[in-house]
Amino acid sequence: MYTLKGIEVMQTQLSQFIKMKRKQAGMKQEDLSFAAGVGLRFVRELEQGKPT
């Protein structure tokens, strides 16, 4: 079971990983949202580490 702090760390790591991979691919947030079939707001919030 994860502690709250552990979950926050995992969210931060996931957010950083997604942002890093998007940049490595030379994509803007808009490009990623289109390719993934999600809204731009979702991508922005995901990269900022929003918990929901």
PDB file of N, CA and C in Angstrom:
ATOM      1  N   MET A   1       0.845  -1.186   0.000  1.00  0.00           N
ATOM      2  CA  MET A   1       0.000   0.000   0.000  1.00  0.00           C
ATOM      3  C   MET A   1       0.885   1.242   0.000  1.00  0.00           C
ATOM      4  N   TYR A   2       0.485   2.246  -0.740  1.00  0.00           N
ATOM      5  CA  TYR A   2       1.251   3.471  -0.832  1.00  0.00           C
ATOM      6  C   TYR A   2       0.754   4.503   0.168  1.00  0.00           C
ATOM      7  N   THR A   3       1.687   5.261   0.671  1.00  0.00           N
ATOM      8  CA  THR A   3       1.306   6.377   1.523  1.00  0.00           C
ATOM      9  C   THR A   3       0.925   7.546   0.627  1.00  0.00           C
ATOM     10  N   LEU A   4       0.302   8.527   1.191  1.00  0.00           N
ATOM     11  CA  LEU A   4      -0.056   9.716   0.423  1.00  0.00           C
ATOM     12  C   LEU A   4       1.186  10.333  -0.196  1.00  0.00           C
ATOM     13  N   LYS A   5       2.254  10.390   0.570  1.00  0.00           N
ATOM     14  CA  LYS A   5       3.498  10.957   0.058  1.00  0.00           C
ATOM     15  C   LYS A   5       4.019  10.128  -1.120  1.00  0.00           C
ATOM     16  N   GLY A   6       3.910   8.815  -1.032  1.00  0.00           N
ATOM     17  CA  GLY A   6       4.352   7.942  -2.115  1.00  0.00           C
ATOM     18  C   GLY A   6       3.560   8.163  -3.384  1.00  0.00           C
ATOM     19  N   ILE A   7       2.264   8.390  -3.237  1.00  0.00           N
ATOM     20  CA  ILE A   7       1.417   8.650  -4.400  1.00  0.00           C
ATOM     21  C   ILE A   7       1.813   9.969  -5.050  1.00  0.00           C
ATOM     22  N   GLU A   8       2.077  10.979  -4.230  1.00  0.00           N
ATOM     23  CA  GLU A   8       2.489  12.276  -4.757  1.00  0.00           C
ATOM     24  C   GLU A   8       3.803  12.156  -5.530  1.00  0.00           C
ATOM     25  N   VAL A   9       4.711  11.368  -5.029  1.00  0.00           N
ATOM     26  CA  VAL A   9       5.995  11.167  -5.709  1.00  0.00           C
ATOM     27  C   VAL A   9       5.772  10.471  -7.042  1.00  0.00           C
ATOM     28  N   MET A  10       4.905   9.446  -7.056  1.00  0.00           N
ATOM     29  CA  MET A  10       4.629   8.726  -8.298  1.00  0.00           C
ATOM     30  C   MET A  10       3.972   9.649  -9.321  1.00  0.00           C
ATOM     31  N   GLN A  11       3.060  10.513  -8.880  1.00  0.00           N
ATOM     32  CA  GLN A  11       2.403  11.447  -9.799  1.00  0.00           C
ATOM     33  C   GLN A  11       3.434  12.388 -10.405  1.00  0.00           C
ATOM     34  N   THR A  12       4.342  12.877  -9.567  1.00  0.00           N
ATOM     35  CA  THR A  12       5.374  13.788 -10.043  1.00  0.00           C
ATOM     36  C   THR A  12       6.271  13.082 -11.053  1.00  0.00           C
ATOM     37  N   GLN A  13       6.651  11.856 -10.766  1.00  0.00           N
ATOM     38  CA  GLN A  13       7.508  11.100 -11.677  1.00  0.00           C
ATOM     39  C   GLN A  13       6.794  10.840 -12.998  1.00  0.00           C
ATOM     40  N   LEU A  14       5.524  10.473 -12.938  1.00  0.00           N
ATOM     41  CA  LEU A  14       4.760  10.225 -14.152  1.00  0.00           C
ATOM     42  C   LEU A  14       4.627  11.506 -14.968  1.00  0.00           C
ATOM     43  N   SER A  15       4.327  12.598 -14.319  1.00  0.00           N
ATOM     44  CA  SER A  15       4.180  13.880 -14.998  1.00  0.00           C
ATOM     45  C   SER A  15       5.481  14.272 -15.698  1.00  0.00           C
ATOM     46  N   GLN A  16       6.578  14.133 -14.993  1.00  0.00           N
ATOM     47  CA  GLN A  16       7.883  14.474 -15.562  1.00  0.00           C
ATOM     48  C   GLN A  16       8.233  13.550 -16.727  1.00  0.00           C
ATOM     49  N   PHE A  17       7.914  12.268 -16.591  1.00  0.00           N
ATOM     50  CA  PHE A  17       8.211  11.305 -17.646  1.00  0.00           C
ATOM     51  C   PHE A  17       7.434  11.633 -18.924  1.00  0.00           C
ATOM     52  N   ILE A  18       6.152  11.914 -18.779  1.00  0.00           N
ATOM     53  CA  ILE A  18       5.323  12.230 -19.948  1.00  0.00           C
ATOM     54  C   ILE A  18       5.824  13.494 -20.632  1.00  0.00           C
ATOM     55  N   LYS A  19       6.113  14.500 -19.850  1.00  0.00           N
ATOM     56  CA  LYS A  19       6.608  15.769 -20.417  1.00  0.00           C
ATOM     57  C   LYS A  19       7.942  15.554 -21.136  1.00  0.00           C
ATOM     58  N   MET A  20       8.840  14.781 -20.519  1.00  0.00           N
ATOM     59  CA  MET A  20      10.143  14.518 -21.120  1.00  0.00           C
ATOM     60  C   MET A  20       9.993  13.786 -22.457  1.00  0.00           C
ATOM     61  N   LYS A  21       9.145  12.748 -22.478  1.00  0.00           N
ATOM     62  CA  LYS A  21       8.957  11.972 -23.707  1.00  0.00           C
ATOM     63  C   LYS A  21       8.295  12.804 -24.800  1.00  0.00           C
ATOM     64  N   ARG A  22       7.358  13.663 -24.411  1.00  0.00           N
ATOM     65  CA  ARG A  22       6.699  14.538 -25.396  1.00  0.00           C
ATOM     66  C   ARG A  22       7.727  15.466 -26.022  1.00  0.00           C
ATOM     67  N   LYS A  23       8.585  16.038 -25.193  1.00  0.00           N
ATOM     68  CA  LYS A  23       9.605  16.959 -25.711  1.00  0.00           C
ATOM     69  C   LYS A  23      10.634  16.231 -26.580  1.00  0.00           C
ATOM     70  N   GLN A  24      11.001  15.018 -26.177  1.00  0.00           N
ATOM     71  CA  GLN A  24      11.941  14.221 -26.980  1.00  0.00           C
ATOM     72  C   GLN A  24      11.366  13.934 -28.360  1.00  0.00           C
ATOM     73  N   ALA A  25      10.062  13.770 -28.413  1.00  0.00           N
ATOM     74  CA  ALA A  25       9.393  13.494 -29.688  1.00  0.00           C
ATOM     75  C   ALA A  25       9.180  14.766 -30.498  1.00  0.00           C
ATOM     76  N   GLY A  26       9.538  15.923 -29.918  1.00  0.00           N
ATOM     77  CA  GLY A  26       9.380  17.185 -30.620  1.00  0.00           C
ATOM     78  C   GLY A  26       7.922  17.616 -30.749  1.00  0.00           C
ATOM     79  N   MET A  27       7.125  17.221 -29.792  1.00  0.00           N
ATOM     80  CA  MET A  27       5.690  17.519 -29.835  1.00  0.00           C
ATOM     81  C   MET A  27       5.342  18.651 -28.886  1.00  0.00           C
ATOM     82  N   LYS A  28       4.357  19.425 -29.268  1.00  0.00           N
ATOM     83  CA  LYS A  28       3.761  20.403 -28.373  1.00  0.00           C
ATOM     84  C   LYS A  28       2.643  19.696 -27.617  1.00  0.00           C
ATOM     85  N   GLN A  29       2.161  20.335 -26.570  1.00  0.00           N
ATOM     86  CA  GLN A  29       1.057  19.747 -25.824  1.00  0.00           C
ATOM     87  C   GLN A  29      -0.152  19.541 -26.728  1.00  0.00           C
ATOM     88  N   GLU A  30      -0.373  20.466 -27.635  1.00  0.00           N
ATOM     89  CA  GLU A  30      -1.495  20.347 -28.571  1.00  0.00           C
ATOM     90  C   GLU A  30      -1.351  19.105 -29.450  1.00  0.00           C
ATOM     91  N   ASP A  31      -0.119  18.839 -29.897  1.00  0.00           N
ATOM     92  CA  ASP A  31       0.144  17.666 -30.734  1.00  0.00           C
ATOM     93  C   ASP A  31      -0.147  16.373 -29.966  1.00  0.00           C
ATOM     94  N   LEU A  32       0.306  16.325 -28.720  1.00  0.00           N
ATOM     95  CA  LEU A  32       0.092  15.136 -27.903  1.00  0.00           C
ATOM     96  C   LEU A  32      -1.388  14.916 -27.644  1.00  0.00           C
ATOM     97  N   SER A  33      -2.107  15.985 -27.343  1.00  0.00           N
ATOM     98  CA  SER A  33      -3.535  15.824 -27.063  1.00  0.00           C
ATOM     99  C   SER A  33      -4.275  15.292 -28.282  1.00  0.00           C
ATOM    100  N   PHE A  34      -3.918  15.782 -29.462  1.00  0.00           N
ATOM    101  CA  PHE A  34      -4.551  15.306 -30.690  1.00  0.00           C
ATOM    102  C   PHE A  34      -4.202  13.840 -30.943  1.00  0.00           C
ATOM    103  N   ALA A  35      -2.917  13.504 -30.801  1.00  0.00           N
ATOM    104  CA  ALA A  35      -2.468  12.131 -31.059  1.00  0.00           C
ATOM    105  C   ALA A  35      -3.078  11.136 -30.063  1.00  0.00           C
ATOM    106  N   ALA A  36      -3.262  11.570 -28.830  1.00  0.00           N
ATOM    107  CA  ALA A  36      -3.791  10.687 -27.798  1.00  0.00           C
ATOM    108  C   ALA A  36      -5.319  10.675 -27.756  1.00  0.00           C
ATOM    109  N   GLY A  37      -5.935  11.608 -28.460  1.00  0.00           N
ATOM    110  CA  GLY A  37      -7.386  11.665 -28.469  1.00  0.00           C
ATOM    111  C   GLY A  37      -7.983  12.194 -27.173  1.00  0.00           C
ATOM    112  N   VAL A  38      -7.235  13.069 -26.524  1.00  0.00           N
ATOM    113  CA  VAL A  38      -7.715  13.694 -25.285  1.00  0.00           C
ATOM    114  C   VAL A  38      -7.654  15.208 -25.455  1.00  0.00           C
ATOM    115  N   GLY A  39      -8.262  15.902 -24.537  1.00  0.00           N
ATOM    116  CA  GLY A  39      -8.269  17.351 -24.601  1.00  0.00           C
ATOM    117  C   GLY A  39      -6.945  17.957 -24.180  1.00  0.00           C
ATOM    118  N   LEU A  40      -6.702  19.146 -24.686  1.00  0.00           N
ATOM    119  CA  LEU A  40      -5.483  19.874 -24.331  1.00  0.00           C
ATOM    120  C   LEU A  40      -5.422  20.125 -22.829  1.00  0.00           C
ATOM    121  N   ARG A  41      -6.545  20.438 -22.246  1.00  0.00           N
ATOM    122  CA  ARG A  41      -6.590  20.689 -20.804  1.00  0.00           C
ATOM    123  C   ARG A  41      -6.126  19.465 -20.022  1.00  0.00           C
ATOM    124  N   PHE A  42      -6.522  18.279 -20.470  1.00  0.00           N
ATOM    125  CA  PHE A  42      -6.102  17.047 -19.807  1.00  0.00           C
ATOM    126  C   PHE A  42      -4.583  16.907 -19.830  1.00  0.00           C
ATOM    127  N   VAL A  43      -3.974  17.137 -20.991  1.00  0.00           N
ATOM    128  CA  VAL A  43      -2.515  17.014 -21.116  1.00  0.00           C
ATOM    129  C   VAL A  43      -1.827  18.026 -20.206  1.00  0.00           C
ATOM    130  N   ARG A  44      -2.308  19.261 -20.206  1.00  0.00           N
ATOM    131  CA  ARG A  44      -1.694  20.294 -19.368  1.00  0.00           C
ATOM    132  C   ARG A  44      -1.775  19.927 -17.893  1.00  0.00           C
ATOM    133  N   GLU A  45      -2.947  19.492 -17.461  1.00  0.00           N
ATOM    134  CA  GLU A  45      -3.119  19.130 -16.064  1.00  0.00           C
ATOM    135  C   GLU A  45      -2.304  17.890 -15.699  1.00  0.00           C
ATOM    136  N   LEU A  46      -2.213  16.949 -16.613  1.00  0.00           N
ATOM    137  CA  LEU A  46      -1.420  15.743 -16.398  1.00  0.00           C
ATOM    138  C   LEU A  46       0.045  16.106 -16.188  1.00  0.00           C
ATOM    139  N   GLU A  47       0.580  16.960 -17.033  1.00  0.00           N
ATOM    140  CA  GLU A  47       1.981  17.356 -16.915  1.00  0.00           C
ATOM    141  C   GLU A  47       2.245  18.215 -15.687  1.00  0.00           C
ATOM    142  N   GLN A  48       1.211  18.836 -15.163  1.00  0.00           N
ATOM    143  CA  GLN A  48       1.372  19.633 -13.945  1.00  0.00           C
ATOM    144  C   GLN A  48       1.205  18.777 -12.693  1.00  0.00           C
ATOM    145  N   GLY A  49       0.847  17.504 -12.875  1.00  0.00           N
ATOM    146  CA  GLY A  49       0.743  16.591 -11.751  1.00  0.00           C
ATOM    147  C   GLY A  49      -0.565  16.644 -10.997  1.00  0.00           C
ATOM    148  N   LYS A  50      -1.614  17.112 -11.666  1.00  0.00           N
ATOM    149  CA  LYS A  50      -2.922  17.163 -11.006  1.00  0.00           C
ATOM    150  C   LYS A  50      -3.343  15.742 -10.627  1.00  0.00           C
ATOM    151  N   PRO A  51      -3.797  15.550  -9.400  1.00  0.00           N
ATOM    152  CA  PRO A  51      -4.073  14.195  -8.918  1.00  0.00           C
ATOM    153  C   PRO A  51      -5.325  13.529  -9.496  1.00  0.00           C
ATOM    154  N   THR A  52      -6.226  14.295 -10.100  1.00  0.00           N
ATOM    155  CA  THR A  52      -7.431  13.671 -10.636  1.00  0.00           C
ATOM    156  C   THR A  52      -7.477  13.763 -12.136  1.00  0.00           C
TER     157      THR A  52
END
